[in-house]
Amino acid sequence: MRSRAWTASVLALGLAVGLGQTRRLFAQEPELVPPILTAAEHYVRAERYLLEERYEEADVELQVAIHKDDLRPAYHHVLGRLRLHQKRYPEAIEEFCRAIALDPFEIEVQRDLALAHSAVGDRESAVNALREAARVHPNDARLRYQLGSLLDGMAREDEALQEYVQAIMLLPVYAEAYRALGRLYQRRGNLDKAILFYDQAGRMNPLDLEVHFLLGGLYLTYRGDFAKARTALEYVHQADPEDFETAKLLVRVYYGLKEDDLGEGMRRCAGTLATASGKASEGDRLLIDDFRPGTRRVRAEALLAPREGEPVAFEIVAVAADGSGSPPDRRFAVVRGSRWSLVERTSRGDLPIEEFGEPPPPYRPVIDAVLEVLKQEKPADAGAASSPADPDGESGRRGGRRR
């Protein structure tokens, strides 16, 4: 009996302990097991991290994705782009090559491979990559343009020209290709063709202000077509009133049109030239004219005022046309004292020639007065010709003429 009672008590105790453990087990929180992600899910995570610029986390996710599935070209391509961003160029090239081996028809990978080769200075391999892409995708105009740009940068202009032309044949409204051809012909000195292609590029992409600026500059400096230069440059100036270089060219255009004097041209661009204090230093010059009367070469410039953007003076330099130094250089300027005056610069100081008054004098009367002085061809520094009573030898001119 005792043996049976002892056995029963042991069983009861074991049952109680087991029930207690069972209750504790059910009372505990279930343990969370992390889900097992597929390679595609790791890749999606990596793309999200890249958009958030969390590059280290994206790097980890991409490597896990590739470890799980090494046959997806997109995984290698994106990892190559990440390596490109990290400037780990050899690794980027390796990943791009793996992606191409898996899918030779993916054109963006070829472009990125060319970019990686260029980054390490291996432009020949970059050209080969783009040529291979062009072989696989012969009708891609953008690819032809990129190949042309790369060859152009390597000074292989004949090959670049062929690629630009091919791009235009594939896409006749390819404005960037027309602009590239314009630059190429401008470098070669064929300015008529440069104007032709710039004009086409401007028509196809009116928002390309650089093309209109280049076109206006060639109309002004090469053809002397002030009306067309004005159209192109005013278009740029209207779209970007803060562009200082455009405003300076427009001043020359307004003078060339003979519709306004230089001061009026300056006033038309006053809003932009007023920014000269931040973009130009005191004494910066704007070339207005350069011509050869007889044995002289005369260069006329306007000095820009840092605060107002209007000329504080004209400066006219007359030198020997053949560069021989004979006749000697003569320098003239329009300066502002109590009134605007034309003076000749000499080693003895400024010698007054003519007094103008207000507002600043137009360009043409200033040049006419200078040319009248130059007709005498007597350098102002010829002090030997002066008399003791008139040590400056300029008694007839020092008082100046009032206008």
Protein backbone atom coordinates (compact mmCIF):
# COMPACT_ATOMS: atom_id res chain seq x y z
CA MET A 1 0.00 0.00 0.00
CA ARG A 2 2.77 2.38 0.90
CA SER A 3 4.51 1.65 -2.38
CA ARG A 4 1.35 2.42 -4.31
CA ALA A 5 0.77 5.65 -2.39
CA TRP A 6 4.35 6.76 -2.98
CA THR A 7 4.07 6.07 -6.70
CA ALA A 8 0.79 7.98 -6.92
CA SER A 9 2.30 11.00 -5.18
CA VAL A 10 5.27 11.03 -7.54
CA LEU A 11 2.97 10.90 -10.56
CA ALA A 12 0.85 13.69 -9.15
CA LEU A 13 3.91 15.83 -8.56
CA GLY A 14 5.20 15.23 -12.09
CA LEU A 15 1.81 16.12 -13.52
CA ALA A 16 1.75 19.36 -11.54
CA VAL A 17 5.24 20.32 -12.66
CA GLY A 18 4.41 19.55 -16.28
CA LEU A 19 1.22 21.57 -16.14
CA GLY A 20 3.14 24.50 -14.64
CA GLN A 21 5.72 24.44 -17.38
CA THR A 22 2.97 24.24 -19.98
CA ARG A 23 1.25 27.28 -18.50
CA ARG A 24 4.54 29.25 -18.52
CA LEU A 25 5.22 28.18 -22.08
CA PHE A 26 1.88 29.47 -23.27
CA ALA A 27 2.26 32.64 -21.24
CA GLN A 28 5.54 33.58 -23.03
CA GLU A 29 5.62 35.78 -26.17
CA PRO A 30 6.18 33.79 -29.35
CA GLU A 31 9.73 34.17 -30.68
CA LEU A 32 9.89 36.18 -33.99
CA VAL A 33 11.84 34.54 -36.77
CA PRO A 34 13.11 36.99 -39.45
CA PRO A 35 11.64 36.28 -42.88
CA ILE A 36 13.90 34.85 -45.52
CA LEU A 37 14.01 37.38 -48.39
CA THR A 38 14.46 36.46 -52.00
CA ALA A 39 17.16 37.97 -54.20
CA ALA A 40 14.55 40.17 -55.88
CA GLU A 41 13.40 41.53 -52.52
CA HIS A 42 16.98 42.40 -51.56
CA TYR A 43 17.34 44.17 -54.92
CA VAL A 44 14.17 46.20 -54.32
CA ARG A 45 15.48 47.20 -50.91
CA ALA A 46 18.77 48.28 -52.48
CA GLU A 47 16.96 50.47 -55.01
CA ARG A 48 15.02 52.14 -52.21
CA TYR A 49 18.21 52.77 -50.24
CA LEU A 50 19.84 54.28 -53.33
CA LEU A 51 16.94 56.69 -53.75
CA GLU A 52 17.38 57.66 -50.09
CA GLU A 53 21.16 57.99 -50.60
CA ARG A 54 21.84 55.27 -48.01
CA TYR A 55 24.66 53.88 -50.06
CA GLU A 56 26.28 51.55 -47.52
CA GLU A 57 23.01 49.74 -46.86
CA ALA A 58 22.31 49.57 -50.61
CA ASP A 59 25.76 48.06 -51.10
CA VAL A 60 25.00 45.26 -48.60
CA GLU A 61 21.60 44.48 -50.12
CA LEU A 62 23.00 44.32 -53.66
CA GLN A 63 25.78 41.97 -52.67
CA VAL A 64 23.29 39.68 -50.91
CA ALA A 65 21.02 39.74 -53.98
CA ILE A 66 23.93 38.81 -56.24
CA HIS A 67 25.03 36.08 -53.83
CA LYS A 68 21.55 34.55 -54.07
CA ASP A 69 21.13 35.05 -57.81
CA ASP A 70 24.25 35.80 -59.84
CA LEU A 71 22.52 35.61 -63.23
CA ARG A 72 20.54 38.84 -63.12
CA PRO A 73 22.26 41.53 -65.27
CA ALA A 74 20.28 44.31 -63.56
CA TYR A 75 21.87 43.46 -60.19
CA HIS A 76 25.39 43.79 -61.61
CA HIS A 77 24.45 46.96 -63.48
CA VAL A 78 23.12 48.73 -60.40
CA LEU A 79 26.08 47.60 -58.30
CA GLY A 80 28.38 48.93 -61.04
CA ARG A 81 26.63 52.30 -60.91
CA LEU A 82 27.08 52.34 -57.15
CA ARG A 83 30.78 51.61 -57.59
CA LEU A 84 30.93 54.41 -60.17
CA HIS A 85 29.39 56.79 -57.66
CA GLN A 86 31.91 55.62 -55.05
CA LYS A 87 34.72 56.21 -57.58
CA ARG A 88 35.74 52.57 -57.35
CA TYR A 89 36.15 52.50 -61.11
CA PRO A 90 37.89 49.12 -61.66
CA GLU A 91 35.14 47.37 -59.68
CA ALA A 92 32.50 49.33 -61.63
CA ILE A 93 34.03 48.18 -64.93
CA GLU A 94 34.03 44.57 -63.67
CA GLU A 95 30.34 44.71 -62.75
CA PHE A 96 29.36 46.33 -66.04
CA CYS A 97 31.25 43.68 -67.98
CA ARG A 98 29.41 40.95 -66.06
CA ALA A 99 26.08 42.60 -66.84
CA ILE A 100 26.98 42.82 -70.56
CA ALA A 101 28.04 39.17 -70.61
CA LEU A 102 24.59 38.26 -69.27
CA ASP A 103 22.70 40.66 -71.57
CA PRO A 104 24.68 42.19 -74.46
CA PHE A 105 21.63 44.13 -75.68
CA GLU A 106 21.27 46.46 -72.69
CA ILE A 107 22.43 49.80 -74.11
CA GLU A 108 22.57 51.72 -70.81
CA VAL A 109 25.17 49.30 -69.45
CA GLN A 110 27.40 50.03 -72.47
CA ARG A 111 27.05 53.75 -71.85
CA ASP A 112 27.98 53.35 -68.20
CA LEU A 113 30.92 51.14 -69.12
CA ALA A 114 32.21 53.86 -71.45
CA LEU A 115 31.81 56.39 -68.64
CA ALA A 116 33.80 54.20 -66.25
CA HIS A 117 36.60 53.72 -68.79
CA SER A 118 36.72 57.49 -69.35
CA ALA A 119 36.93 58.08 -65.61
CA VAL A 120 40.17 56.08 -65.41
CA GLY A 121 41.56 57.81 -68.50
CA ASP A 122 41.10 54.85 -70.83
CA ARG A 123 39.18 56.72 -73.50
CA GLU A 124 40.09 54.23 -76.21
CA SER A 125 38.26 51.49 -74.30
CA ALA A 126 35.37 53.92 -73.84
CA VAL A 127 35.22 54.42 -77.61
CA ASN A 128 35.26 50.65 -78.14
CA ALA A 129 32.40 50.21 -75.68
CA LEU A 130 30.26 52.77 -77.47
CA ARG A 131 31.16 51.36 -80.88
CA GLU A 132 30.05 47.91 -79.71
CA ALA A 133 26.82 49.41 -78.43
CA ALA A 134 26.32 51.16 -81.78
CA ARG A 135 26.85 47.83 -83.55
CA VAL A 136 24.12 46.24 -81.45
CA HIS A 137 21.85 49.32 -81.65
CA PRO A 138 22.62 50.92 -85.04
CA ASN A 139 19.57 53.21 -85.00
CA ASP A 140 20.18 54.93 -81.66
CA ALA A 141 20.89 58.61 -82.45
CA ARG A 142 21.82 59.50 -78.87
CA LEU A 143 24.45 56.78 -78.86
CA ARG A 144 25.98 58.18 -82.05
CA TYR A 145 26.03 61.67 -80.54
CA GLN A 146 27.75 60.42 -77.37
CA LEU A 147 30.34 58.59 -79.44
CA GLY A 148 30.91 61.75 -81.48
CA SER A 149 31.33 63.83 -78.30
CA LEU A 150 33.89 61.38 -76.96
CA LEU A 151 35.86 61.38 -80.22
CA ASP A 152 35.61 65.18 -80.38
CA GLY A 153 37.18 65.42 -76.94
CA MET A 154 40.03 63.22 -78.17
CA ALA A 155 40.67 65.64 -81.09
CA ARG A 156 39.56 62.98 -83.59
CA GLU A 157 37.43 65.51 -85.39
CA ASP A 158 36.89 63.64 -88.66
CA GLU A 159 35.48 60.62 -86.84
CA ALA A 160 33.44 62.86 -84.54
CA LEU A 161 31.98 64.67 -87.54
CA GLN A 162 30.85 61.37 -89.05
CA GLU A 163 29.11 60.37 -85.82
CA TYR A 164 27.36 63.74 -85.48
CA VAL A 165 26.13 63.51 -89.06
CA GLN A 166 24.95 59.95 -88.47
CA ALA A 167 23.05 61.11 -85.38
CA ILE A 168 21.29 63.80 -87.43
CA MET A 169 20.44 61.33 -90.17
CA LEU A 170 18.82 59.08 -87.56
CA LEU A 171 17.10 61.99 -85.80
CA PRO A 172 16.82 65.10 -88.02
CA VAL A 173 15.65 67.29 -85.12
CA TYR A 174 18.61 66.46 -82.86
CA ALA A 175 19.48 69.99 -81.70
CA GLU A 176 22.50 68.95 -79.61
CA ALA A 177 24.12 67.29 -82.62
CA TYR A 178 23.66 70.44 -84.72
CA ARG A 179 25.24 72.52 -81.96
CA ALA A 180 28.18 70.11 -81.70
CA LEU A 181 28.73 70.39 -85.46
CA GLY A 182 28.65 74.17 -85.16
CA ARG A 183 31.36 74.10 -82.50
CA LEU A 184 33.47 71.70 -84.53
CA TYR A 185 33.33 73.87 -87.65
CA GLN A 186 33.97 77.01 -85.58
CA ARG A 187 37.16 75.45 -84.21
CA ARG A 188 38.18 74.60 -87.75
CA GLY A 189 37.65 78.19 -88.83
CA ASN A 190 34.74 77.37 -91.15
CA LEU A 191 32.51 80.04 -89.64
CA ASP A 192 29.88 80.00 -92.38
CA LYS A 193 29.10 76.35 -91.64
CA ALA A 194 29.27 77.06 -87.93
CA ILE A 195 26.59 79.74 -88.34
CA LEU A 196 24.47 77.35 -90.42
CA PHE A 197 24.50 74.62 -87.77
CA TYR A 198 24.06 77.02 -84.84
CA ASP A 199 21.06 78.49 -86.61
CA GLN A 200 19.54 75.02 -87.06
CA ALA A 201 20.18 74.15 -83.41
CA GLY A 202 18.56 77.39 -82.26
CA ARG A 203 15.47 76.76 -84.36
CA MET A 204 15.07 73.23 -83.02
CA ASN A 205 15.71 74.17 -79.39
CA PRO A 206 14.80 77.82 -78.75
CA LEU A 207 15.56 77.35 -75.05
CA ASP A 208 19.27 76.75 -75.73
CA LEU A 209 20.56 80.22 -74.86
CA GLU A 210 24.17 79.23 -75.44
CA VAL A 211 23.47 78.53 -79.11
CA HIS A 212 21.82 81.94 -79.57
CA PHE A 213 24.77 83.61 -77.82
CA LEU A 214 27.30 81.84 -80.06
CA LEU A 215 25.25 82.65 -83.15
CA GLY A 216 24.93 86.32 -82.18
CA GLY A 217 28.66 86.54 -81.51
CA LEU A 218 29.50 85.18 -84.97
CA TYR A 219 27.01 87.48 -86.69
CA LEU A 220 28.66 90.41 -84.89
CA THR A 221 32.37 89.58 -85.11
CA TYR A 222 32.53 87.58 -88.35
CA ARG A 223 29.78 88.76 -90.67
CA GLY A 224 29.20 92.21 -89.24
CA ASP A 225 25.45 91.53 -89.54
CA PHE A 226 24.33 93.74 -86.69
CA ALA A 227 20.60 93.20 -87.29
CA LYS A 228 20.83 89.40 -86.95
CA ALA A 229 23.28 89.74 -84.07
CA ARG A 230 20.81 91.99 -82.33
CA THR A 231 17.97 89.47 -82.78
CA ALA A 232 20.00 86.60 -81.33
CA LEU A 233 21.59 88.53 -78.47
CA GLU A 234 18.44 90.38 -77.43
CA TYR A 235 16.72 87.00 -77.21
CA VAL A 236 19.40 85.83 -74.78
CA HIS A 237 19.40 89.12 -72.89
CA GLN A 238 15.63 89.02 -72.46
CA ALA A 239 15.73 85.44 -71.14
CA ASP A 240 18.77 86.05 -68.90
CA PRO A 241 19.11 89.76 -68.03
CA GLU A 242 21.95 88.97 -65.61
CA ASP A 243 24.31 87.66 -68.31
CA PHE A 244 27.08 90.26 -68.41
CA GLU A 245 28.84 89.02 -71.56
CA THR A 246 25.64 89.22 -73.62
CA ALA A 247 25.02 92.77 -72.50
CA LYS A 248 28.55 93.81 -73.48
CA LEU A 249 28.10 92.37 -76.97
CA LEU A 250 24.77 94.17 -77.30
CA VAL A 251 26.48 97.50 -76.66
CA ARG A 252 28.68 96.88 -79.70
CA VAL A 253 25.64 95.81 -81.71
CA TYR A 254 23.73 99.00 -80.91
CA TYR A 255 26.69 101.09 -82.00
CA GLY A 256 27.09 99.05 -85.18
CA LEU A 257 23.46 99.53 -86.13
CA LYS A 258 24.06 103.32 -86.09
CA GLU A 259 20.62 103.64 -84.52
CA ASP A 260 22.02 104.77 -81.19
CA ASP A 261 25.21 106.21 -79.88
CA LEU A 262 27.31 104.26 -77.42
CA GLY A 263 25.71 105.93 -74.42
CA GLU A 264 22.25 104.84 -75.56
CA GLY A 265 23.51 101.30 -76.03
CA MET A 266 24.85 101.36 -72.52
CA ARG A 267 21.54 102.66 -71.19
CA ARG A 268 19.66 99.85 -72.92
CA CYS A 269 21.79 97.36 -71.02
CA ALA A 270 22.07 99.43 -67.86
CA GLY A 271 20.16 96.89 -65.78
CA THR A 272 22.69 94.20 -66.54
CA LEU A 273 25.82 96.29 -66.70
CA ALA A 274 24.93 97.62 -63.26
CA THR A 275 25.99 94.22 -61.95
CA ALA A 276 29.54 94.91 -63.12
CA SER A 277 30.58 95.62 -59.55
CA GLY A 278 30.21 91.92 -58.84
CA LYS A 279 31.53 90.64 -62.14
CA ALA A 280 34.11 93.15 -63.29
CA SER A 281 36.87 95.11 -61.60
CA GLU A 282 37.60 98.79 -61.98
CA GLY A 283 39.31 99.49 -65.27
CA ASP A 284 37.71 96.59 -67.16
CA ARG A 285 37.29 97.51 -70.79
CA LEU A 286 34.73 96.96 -73.51
CA LEU A 287 36.08 97.00 -77.08
CA ILE A 288 33.94 99.25 -79.25
CA ASP A 289 35.89 99.59 -82.48
CA ASP A 290 39.16 98.68 -84.15
CA PHE A 291 40.02 100.23 -87.52
CA ARG A 292 42.94 101.54 -89.61
CA PRO A 293 42.93 105.10 -90.88
CA GLY A 294 46.03 105.44 -93.05
CA THR A 295 49.22 104.50 -91.24
CA ARG A 296 47.40 104.16 -87.91
CA ARG A 297 45.52 101.42 -86.18
CA VAL A 298 42.96 102.92 -83.84
CA ARG A 299 41.40 100.87 -81.06
CA ALA A 300 38.54 102.43 -79.13
CA GLU A 301 37.42 101.04 -75.79
CA ALA A 302 34.93 101.99 -73.11
CA LEU A 303 35.90 101.70 -69.47
CA LEU A 304 33.15 100.19 -67.32
CA ALA A 305 32.17 101.84 -64.06
CA PRO A 306 31.98 99.25 -61.28
CA ARG A 307 28.92 100.89 -59.73
CA GLU A 308 26.81 102.17 -62.58
CA GLY A 309 27.89 100.02 -65.49
CA GLU A 310 28.17 103.04 -67.80
CA PRO A 311 31.45 104.17 -69.33
CA VAL A 312 33.39 106.57 -67.15
CA ALA A 313 35.58 107.13 -70.16
CA PHE A 314 36.41 106.16 -73.68
CA GLU A 315 40.01 105.32 -74.32
CA ILE A 316 41.42 105.53 -77.82
CA VAL A 317 44.84 104.11 -78.62
CA ALA A 318 46.48 104.95 -81.96
CA VAL A 319 49.47 102.81 -82.88
CA ALA A 320 51.51 102.25 -86.02
CA ALA A 321 49.49 100.02 -88.37
CA ASP A 322 52.50 97.84 -89.14
CA GLY A 323 53.56 97.52 -85.49
CA SER A 324 56.86 99.30 -86.14
CA GLY A 325 56.33 101.96 -83.50
CA SER A 326 56.59 104.71 -86.10
CA PRO A 327 54.60 106.91 -85.91
CA PRO A 328 54.71 106.64 -82.13
CA ASP A 329 51.73 105.55 -80.05
CA ARG A 330 49.24 108.18 -79.02
CA ARG A 331 46.60 107.72 -76.35
CA PHE A 332 43.40 109.68 -75.90
CA ALA A 333 40.60 109.44 -73.35
CA VAL A 334 37.26 110.95 -72.47
CA VAL A 335 37.36 111.74 -68.78
CA ARG A 336 34.95 113.33 -66.39
CA GLY A 337 35.92 116.27 -64.28
CA SER A 338 33.41 119.03 -63.84
CA ARG A 339 32.43 118.22 -67.43
CA TRP A 340 33.18 115.46 -69.93
CA SER A 341 36.34 116.25 -71.89
CA LEU A 342 38.55 114.65 -74.51
CA VAL A 343 42.22 114.66 -73.49
CA GLU A 344 45.45 113.25 -74.86
CA ARG A 345 47.48 111.18 -72.42
CA THR A 346 51.13 112.26 -72.31
CA SER A 347 54.08 111.83 -70.00
CA ARG A 348 53.37 115.38 -68.81
CA GLY A 349 49.75 114.64 -67.93
CA ASP A 350 46.40 114.94 -69.68
CA LEU A 351 46.30 117.63 -72.38
CA PRO A 352 42.74 118.90 -73.05
CA ILE A 353 41.55 118.72 -76.65
CA GLU A 354 37.80 119.22 -76.55
CA GLU A 355 35.16 119.78 -73.89
CA PHE A 356 31.73 118.19 -74.22
CA GLY A 357 29.54 118.66 -71.16
CA GLU A 358 26.61 116.40 -70.22
CA PRO A 359 25.57 113.67 -70.87
CA PRO A 360 28.59 111.52 -71.82
CA PRO A 361 29.48 112.26 -75.44
CA PRO A 362 28.50 109.87 -78.25
CA TYR A 363 31.24 107.75 -79.69
CA ARG A 364 31.34 109.25 -83.20
CA PRO A 365 32.15 112.88 -82.26
CA VAL A 366 34.92 111.61 -79.99
CA ILE A 367 36.51 109.59 -82.80
CA ASP A 368 36.14 112.48 -85.24
CA ALA A 369 37.97 114.78 -82.81
CA VAL A 370 40.75 112.21 -82.33
CA LEU A 371 41.16 111.69 -86.08
CA GLU A 372 41.40 115.45 -86.56
CA VAL A 373 44.29 115.53 -84.07
CA LEU A 374 45.97 112.54 -85.70
CA LYS A 375 45.97 114.28 -89.08
CA GLN A 376 48.64 116.61 -87.69
CA GLU A 377 50.80 113.56 -86.79
CA LYS A 378 52.63 115.60 -84.19
CA PRO A 379 53.10 113.61 -81.00
CA ALA A 380 51.98 115.49 -77.94
CA ASP A 381 55.25 114.53 -76.19
CA ALA A 382 57.31 116.52 -78.72
CA GLY A 383 58.28 119.02 -76.07
CA ALA A 384 61.23 120.28 -78.11
CA ALA A 385 58.84 122.20 -80.32
CA SER A 386 57.40 124.16 -77.41
CA SER A 387 58.53 127.66 -76.60
CA PRO A 388 59.70 128.96 -73.19
CA ALA A 389 56.61 131.09 -72.98
CA ASP A 390 54.42 128.07 -73.68
CA PRO A 391 56.19 125.12 -72.11
CA ASP A 392 53.36 122.74 -72.94
CA GLY A 393 53.32 123.69 -76.63
CA GLU A 394 49.54 123.35 -76.45
CA SER A 395 48.31 126.89 -75.81
CA GLY A 396 45.95 126.65 -78.74
CA ARG A 397 44.33 123.49 -77.39
CA ARG A 398 44.65 123.59 -73.63
CA GLY A 399 41.58 125.71 -73.18
CA GLY A 400 39.67 123.20 -75.29
CA ARG A 401 36.59 123.79 -77.35
CA ARG A 402 33.14 123.82 -75.81
CA ARG A 403 30.33 121.86 -77.39
